[in-house]
């Protein structure tokens, strides 16, 4: 059992070490999926490779057997989780595209990490003002990479926020966020890593400061995974691995619908592993396993 003081120590180490390791790991999943043949891959991200440590890419090329052994090791620890993370990318992409068609005026990507939607999804550049919000240590490195990719910064508003200690609303408003506009808030791989109080503060701001018809989409683990009460081996492995990585789980949800309705949201739709397995992993991908512990949810601000 990993102790509380170990969790706190790892949290402090994560803050001291700079950019999020998890952001790079998620980008690596996007690289791997994008490398699959067209007709097999479920999305294509040409920019993700720029956010990966060159040594990691070199290992894959020079010692493919070792790289495969590492992938197999993680698949044994977290069966299906990699495919769930990749399904999340595709699901959130689809939701962003649908929201553009429905007339959103602003896109706010919270905990943006190395998200590349602002640069690869058609229609955002001309129709939607995009804000990328993240911790300064991760966002600083991302901005350096983006400048190298494009030669200059694209028309994206970068907002630095420490979700645990700073006021998201104040920071967004200072950067030109407009309360009355129809907005989509994307939180991919965010809420599970910040405290419940910070999650509530984010949701409270969104509920009160968004135009009619604005939406949110995010993913979460059940509370039992976060607090260690789940009896599933995969749940324990996920929790322990993230503690050791220095980015421990801090927030989970037992039931998303009442949780969000109590906070001013409606039309809550939870997407289970069965849902995204059926939607994205069929035909030639029908044998790709997913992890039942990762859920997606979207909702509307009336």
Protein backbone atom coordinates (compact mmCIF):
# COMPACT_ATOMS: atom_id res chain seq x y z
CA UNK A 1 0.00 0.00 0.00
CA UNK A 2 1.34 3.43 -0.95
CA UNK A 3 1.20 5.88 1.96
CA UNK A 4 -0.23 9.40 2.04
CA UNK A 5 3.15 11.01 2.72
CA UNK A 6 4.52 9.26 -0.37
CA UNK A 7 1.67 10.73 -2.44
CA UNK A 8 2.43 14.22 -1.12
CA UNK A 9 6.13 13.78 -1.82
CA UNK A 10 5.47 12.73 -5.37
CA UNK A 11 3.07 15.67 -5.91
CA UNK A 12 5.84 18.06 -4.80
CA UNK A 13 8.36 16.32 -7.05
CA UNK A 14 6.00 16.58 -10.04
CA UNK A 15 5.64 20.32 -9.53
CA UNK A 16 9.41 20.75 -9.20
CA UNK A 17 10.34 18.67 -12.25
CA UNK A 18 8.50 20.79 -14.79
CA UNK A 19 6.40 19.61 -17.75
CA UNK A 20 3.87 16.84 -17.19
CA UNK A 21 5.14 13.34 -17.90
CA UNK A 22 1.54 12.28 -18.50
CA UNK A 23 1.15 14.86 -21.28
CA UNK A 24 4.03 13.22 -23.15
CA UNK A 25 2.66 9.72 -22.55
CA UNK A 26 -0.70 10.72 -24.02
CA UNK A 27 1.05 12.28 -27.02
CA UNK A 28 2.91 9.00 -27.48
CA UNK A 29 -0.43 7.19 -27.81
CA UNK A 30 -1.41 9.66 -30.52
CA UNK A 31 1.87 9.01 -32.32
CA UNK A 32 1.35 5.25 -32.18
CA UNK A 33 -2.24 5.42 -33.41
CA UNK A 34 -1.32 7.81 -36.21
CA UNK A 35 1.36 5.37 -37.39
CA UNK A 36 -1.23 2.66 -38.05
CA UNK A 37 -2.42 2.19 -41.64
CA UNK A 38 -5.28 4.32 -42.91
CA UNK A 39 -8.43 2.27 -42.45
CA UNK A 40 -7.10 0.88 -39.16
CA UNK A 41 -6.22 4.02 -37.24
CA UNK A 42 -9.12 5.84 -35.65
CA UNK A 43 -7.55 9.31 -35.91
CA UNK A 44 -4.51 11.00 -37.37
CA UNK A 45 -2.37 13.54 -35.54
CA UNK A 46 0.65 14.70 -37.57
CA UNK A 47 1.95 16.98 -34.80
CA UNK A 48 2.06 14.70 -31.74
CA UNK A 49 5.49 13.31 -32.67
CA UNK A 50 7.07 16.72 -32.01
CA UNK A 51 6.26 16.43 -28.29
CA UNK A 52 8.01 13.11 -27.72
CA UNK A 53 11.51 12.78 -26.28
CA UNK A 54 13.74 11.89 -29.28
CA UNK A 55 15.36 9.14 -27.19
CA UNK A 56 12.00 7.40 -26.88
CA UNK A 57 11.53 7.49 -30.65
CA UNK A 58 15.09 6.31 -31.16
CA UNK A 59 14.49 3.30 -28.90
CA UNK A 60 11.51 2.26 -31.02
CA UNK A 61 13.62 2.36 -34.18
CA UNK A 62 16.88 0.87 -32.82
CA UNK A 63 15.44 -1.78 -30.51
CA UNK A 64 11.88 -2.61 -31.57
CA UNK A 65 11.86 -5.79 -29.47
CA UNK A 66 12.60 -3.82 -26.28
CA UNK A 67 9.97 -1.23 -27.21
CA UNK A 68 7.44 -4.01 -27.77
CA UNK A 69 8.33 -5.60 -24.43
CA UNK A 70 7.63 -2.28 -22.72
CA UNK A 71 4.27 -1.94 -24.48
CA UNK A 72 3.35 -5.51 -23.52
CA UNK A 73 4.33 -4.82 -19.90
CA UNK A 74 2.00 -1.83 -19.68
CA UNK A 75 -0.79 -3.73 -21.41
CA UNK A 76 -0.53 -6.43 -18.74
CA UNK A 77 -0.67 -3.82 -15.99
CA UNK A 78 -3.49 -1.75 -17.55
CA UNK A 79 -5.31 -4.00 -20.04
CA UNK A 80 -7.18 -1.98 -22.65
CA UNK A 81 -6.32 1.42 -21.16
CA UNK A 82 -4.22 2.49 -24.14
CA UNK A 83 -7.11 1.88 -26.51
CA UNK A 84 -9.47 3.74 -24.17
CA UNK A 85 -7.11 6.73 -24.22
CA UNK A 86 -7.06 6.59 -28.03
CA UNK A 87 -10.85 6.28 -28.18
CA UNK A 88 -11.00 9.36 -25.96
CA UNK A 89 -8.99 11.34 -28.51
CA UNK A 90 -11.35 10.33 -31.31
CA UNK A 91 -14.50 10.86 -29.24
CA UNK A 92 -13.42 14.33 -28.15
CA UNK A 93 -12.36 15.18 -31.72
CA UNK A 94 -15.82 14.18 -32.95
CA UNK A 95 -17.45 16.28 -30.23
CA UNK A 96 -15.39 19.34 -31.14
CA UNK A 97 -16.30 18.94 -34.83
CA UNK A 98 -20.00 18.54 -34.01
CA UNK A 99 -19.86 21.62 -31.77
CA UNK A 100 -18.32 23.67 -34.58
CA UNK A 101 -21.24 22.65 -36.80
CA UNK A 102 -23.62 23.70 -34.01
CA UNK A 103 -22.13 27.19 -33.91
CA UNK A 104 -19.79 27.42 -30.96
CA UNK A 105 -17.93 30.73 -30.83
CA UNK A 106 -15.20 29.81 -28.32
CA UNK A 107 -13.27 26.62 -27.52
CA UNK A 108 -11.55 26.41 -24.14
CA UNK A 109 -9.17 23.48 -23.73
CA UNK A 110 -8.44 23.10 -20.03
CA UNK A 111 -5.32 21.19 -19.03
CA UNK A 112 -4.32 21.36 -22.69
CA UNK A 113 -1.00 19.54 -22.29
CA UNK A 114 0.18 18.70 -25.80
CA UNK A 115 -3.32 18.79 -27.30
CA UNK A 116 -3.18 19.60 -31.02
CA UNK A 117 -6.84 20.11 -31.88
CA UNK A 118 -6.40 23.84 -32.42
CA UNK A 119 -3.92 23.07 -35.21
CA UNK A 120 -5.44 20.03 -36.94
CA UNK A 121 -9.25 20.28 -36.78
CA UNK A 122 -10.75 21.99 -39.81
CA UNK A 123 -13.06 24.90 -39.07
CA UNK A 124 -11.58 26.05 -35.78
CA UNK A 125 -9.18 28.60 -37.24
CA UNK A 126 -11.78 30.55 -39.19
CA UNK A 127 -14.84 30.17 -36.98
CA UNK A 128 -13.87 29.69 -33.35
CA UNK A 129 -11.59 31.51 -30.92
CA UNK A 130 -9.51 28.90 -29.11
CA UNK A 131 -8.02 29.19 -25.62
CA UNK A 132 -5.45 26.67 -24.40
CA UNK A 133 -5.18 26.65 -20.61
CA UNK A 134 -2.49 24.81 -18.67
CA UNK A 135 0.17 24.92 -15.98
CA UNK A 136 3.00 27.28 -17.00
CA UNK A 137 5.72 24.59 -16.88
CA UNK A 138 3.95 22.39 -19.43
CA UNK A 139 2.57 25.22 -21.54
CA UNK A 140 5.95 26.92 -21.78
CA UNK A 141 7.52 23.86 -23.36
CA UNK A 142 4.53 23.40 -25.66
CA UNK A 143 4.79 26.97 -26.94
CA UNK A 144 8.47 26.40 -27.77
CA UNK A 145 7.55 23.27 -29.76
CA UNK A 146 4.65 24.98 -31.55
CA UNK A 147 6.95 27.82 -32.67
CA UNK A 148 9.35 25.26 -34.13
CA UNK A 149 6.56 23.39 -35.93
CA UNK A 150 4.86 26.41 -37.50
CA UNK A 151 7.57 29.06 -37.44
CA UNK A 152 5.37 31.31 -35.30
CA UNK A 153 2.51 30.98 -32.85
CA UNK A 154 -0.88 30.32 -34.51
CA UNK A 155 -3.97 32.32 -33.65
CA UNK A 156 -4.50 30.59 -30.30
CA UNK A 157 -4.85 32.28 -26.91
CA UNK A 158 -2.48 30.67 -24.39
CA UNK A 159 -3.51 31.01 -20.74
CA UNK A 160 -1.26 29.88 -17.89
CA UNK A 161 -3.08 28.63 -14.78
CA UNK A 162 -2.23 26.50 -11.79
CA UNK A 163 -5.69 24.99 -11.23
CA UNK A 164 -4.90 24.27 -7.58
CA UNK A 165 -3.91 27.79 -6.57
CA UNK A 166 -5.07 30.32 -9.18
CA UNK A 167 -8.42 31.71 -10.32
CA UNK A 168 -9.30 30.23 -13.73
CA UNK A 169 -12.06 32.76 -14.38
CA UNK A 170 -9.84 35.75 -13.69
CA UNK A 171 -7.13 34.42 -15.98
CA UNK A 172 -9.54 33.63 -18.84
CA UNK A 173 -11.29 36.99 -18.63
CA UNK A 174 -7.96 38.82 -18.67
CA UNK A 175 -7.15 37.02 -21.93
CA UNK A 176 -10.38 38.03 -23.66
CA UNK A 177 -12.81 35.23 -22.82
CA UNK A 178 -16.39 36.44 -23.49
CA UNK A 179 -18.99 35.25 -20.97
CA UNK A 180 -21.98 35.57 -23.29
CA UNK A 181 -20.65 33.43 -26.14
CA UNK A 182 -21.53 29.82 -26.86
CA UNK A 183 -18.48 27.90 -25.72
CA UNK A 184 -17.19 24.35 -25.61
CA UNK A 185 -14.98 23.40 -22.66
CA UNK A 186 -12.76 20.35 -23.26
CA UNK A 187 -11.09 18.70 -20.27
CA UNK A 188 -9.22 15.66 -21.54
CA UNK A 189 -7.20 13.84 -18.88
CA UNK A 190 -7.56 16.73 -16.42
CA UNK A 191 -10.15 16.38 -13.67
CA UNK A 192 -8.73 13.15 -12.21
CA UNK A 193 -5.42 14.89 -11.49
CA UNK A 194 -6.69 17.94 -9.57
CA UNK A 195 -8.41 18.16 -6.16
CA UNK A 196 -12.22 18.11 -5.81
CA UNK A 197 -12.24 21.77 -4.79
CA UNK A 198 -10.45 22.77 -7.98
CA UNK A 199 -12.88 20.69 -10.07
CA UNK A 200 -15.83 22.40 -8.39
CA UNK A 201 -14.30 25.83 -8.98
CA UNK A 202 -13.89 25.08 -12.70
CA UNK A 203 -17.44 23.77 -13.08
CA UNK A 204 -18.86 26.69 -11.09
CA UNK A 205 -17.14 29.21 -13.36
CA UNK A 206 -18.37 27.42 -16.49
CA UNK A 207 -21.96 27.15 -15.26
CA UNK A 208 -22.19 30.85 -14.42
CA UNK A 209 -20.00 32.38 -17.14
CA UNK A 210 -20.99 30.67 -20.39
CA UNK A 211 -23.46 31.53 -23.12
CA UNK A 212 -26.67 29.56 -23.58
CA UNK A 213 -26.08 26.18 -25.19
CA UNK A 214 -22.45 25.98 -24.12
CA UNK A 215 -21.13 22.48 -23.48
CA UNK A 216 -18.52 20.56 -21.54
CA UNK A 217 -16.83 17.25 -22.23
CA UNK A 218 -14.40 15.44 -19.94
CA UNK A 219 -13.29 12.01 -18.82
CA UNK A 220 -13.08 10.50 -15.36
CA UNK A 221 -12.36 7.42 -13.29
CA UNK A 222 -14.83 6.08 -10.72
CA UNK A 223 -14.22 7.29 -7.17
CA UNK A 224 -13.29 3.76 -6.14
CA UNK A 225 -10.25 3.85 -8.44
CA UNK A 226 -9.12 7.17 -6.99
CA UNK A 227 -9.52 6.30 -3.32
CA UNK A 228 -8.18 2.77 -3.66
CA UNK A 229 -11.35 0.94 -2.62
CA UNK A 230 -11.82 -0.85 -5.95
CA UNK A 231 -11.05 -4.56 -5.79
CA UNK A 232 -10.00 -4.66 -9.46
CA UNK A 233 -6.31 -5.30 -10.03
CA UNK A 234 -6.28 -2.91 -12.99
CA UNK A 235 -7.67 -0.13 -10.77
CA UNK A 236 -4.96 -0.68 -8.18
CA UNK A 237 -2.27 -0.76 -10.87
CA UNK A 238 -3.46 2.52 -12.41
CA UNK A 239 -3.59 4.23 -9.03
CA UNK A 240 -0.21 2.98 -7.85
CA UNK A 241 1.53 3.72 -11.15
CA UNK A 242 0.34 7.33 -11.18
CA UNK A 243 1.46 7.84 -7.59
CA UNK A 244 4.91 6.54 -8.51
CA UNK A 245 4.95 8.77 -11.58
CA UNK A 246 4.32 11.78 -9.34
CA UNK A 247 0.92 12.61 -10.86
CA UNK A 248 -1.53 10.85 -8.51
CA UNK A 249 -5.28 10.59 -9.02
CA UNK A 250 -7.13 13.13 -6.86
CA UNK A 251 -10.72 13.20 -8.11
CA UNK A 252 -13.31 10.64 -9.13
CA UNK A 253 -17.08 10.44 -9.68
CA UNK A 254 -19.50 7.76 -8.59
CA UNK A 255 -22.42 8.90 -10.80
CA UNK A 256 -21.87 11.66 -13.33
CA UNK A 257 -25.50 12.64 -13.97
CA UNK A 258 -26.46 13.75 -10.43
CA UNK A 259 -23.00 15.18 -9.89
CA UNK A 260 -23.31 17.52 -12.88
CA UNK A 261 -27.01 18.31 -12.46
CA UNK A 262 -26.30 19.55 -8.92
CA UNK A 263 -23.80 21.94 -10.45
CA UNK A 264 -26.12 23.48 -13.03
CA UNK A 265 -25.68 21.22 -16.06
CA UNK A 266 -28.30 19.33 -18.04
CA UNK A 267 -28.58 16.78 -20.87
CA UNK A 268 -25.82 14.78 -19.21
CA UNK A 269 -24.60 11.88 -21.33
CA UNK A 270 -22.15 9.33 -19.97
CA UNK A 271 -20.16 7.32 -22.52
CA UNK A 272 -19.03 3.95 -21.21
CA UNK A 273 -16.29 1.67 -22.47
CA UNK A 274 -18.98 -0.45 -24.15
CA UNK A 275 -20.19 2.65 -26.00
CA UNK A 276 -16.81 3.71 -27.37
CA UNK A 277 -15.73 0.15 -28.07
CA UNK A 278 -18.83 -0.26 -30.25
CA UNK A 279 -18.37 3.12 -31.92
CA UNK A 280 -14.67 3.06 -32.72
CA UNK A 281 -13.35 -0.49 -32.50
CA UNK A 282 -15.29 -2.52 -34.99
CA UNK A 283 -14.45 -4.18 -38.30
CA UNK A 284 -10.66 -4.69 -38.45
CA UNK A 285 -10.37 -3.23 -34.93
CA UNK A 286 -12.96 -5.49 -33.30
CA UNK A 287 -10.34 -7.37 -31.24
CA UNK A 288 -8.89 -4.24 -29.64
CA UNK A 289 -9.67 -4.36 -25.92
CA UNK A 290 -10.68 -1.30 -23.90
CA UNK A 291 -10.62 -0.50 -20.19
CA UNK A 292 -13.97 -0.42 -18.41
CA UNK A 293 -12.68 2.08 -15.83
CA UNK A 294 -12.36 5.14 -18.08
CA UNK A 295 -15.61 7.05 -18.73
CA UNK A 296 -16.38 10.10 -20.87
CA UNK A 297 -19.21 12.54 -20.17
CA UNK A 298 -20.68 15.61 -21.85
CA UNK A 299 -23.35 18.06 -20.75
CA UNK A 300 -25.03 21.38 -21.59
CA UNK A 301 -25.19 24.73 -19.83
CA UNK A 302 -28.73 26.00 -20.37
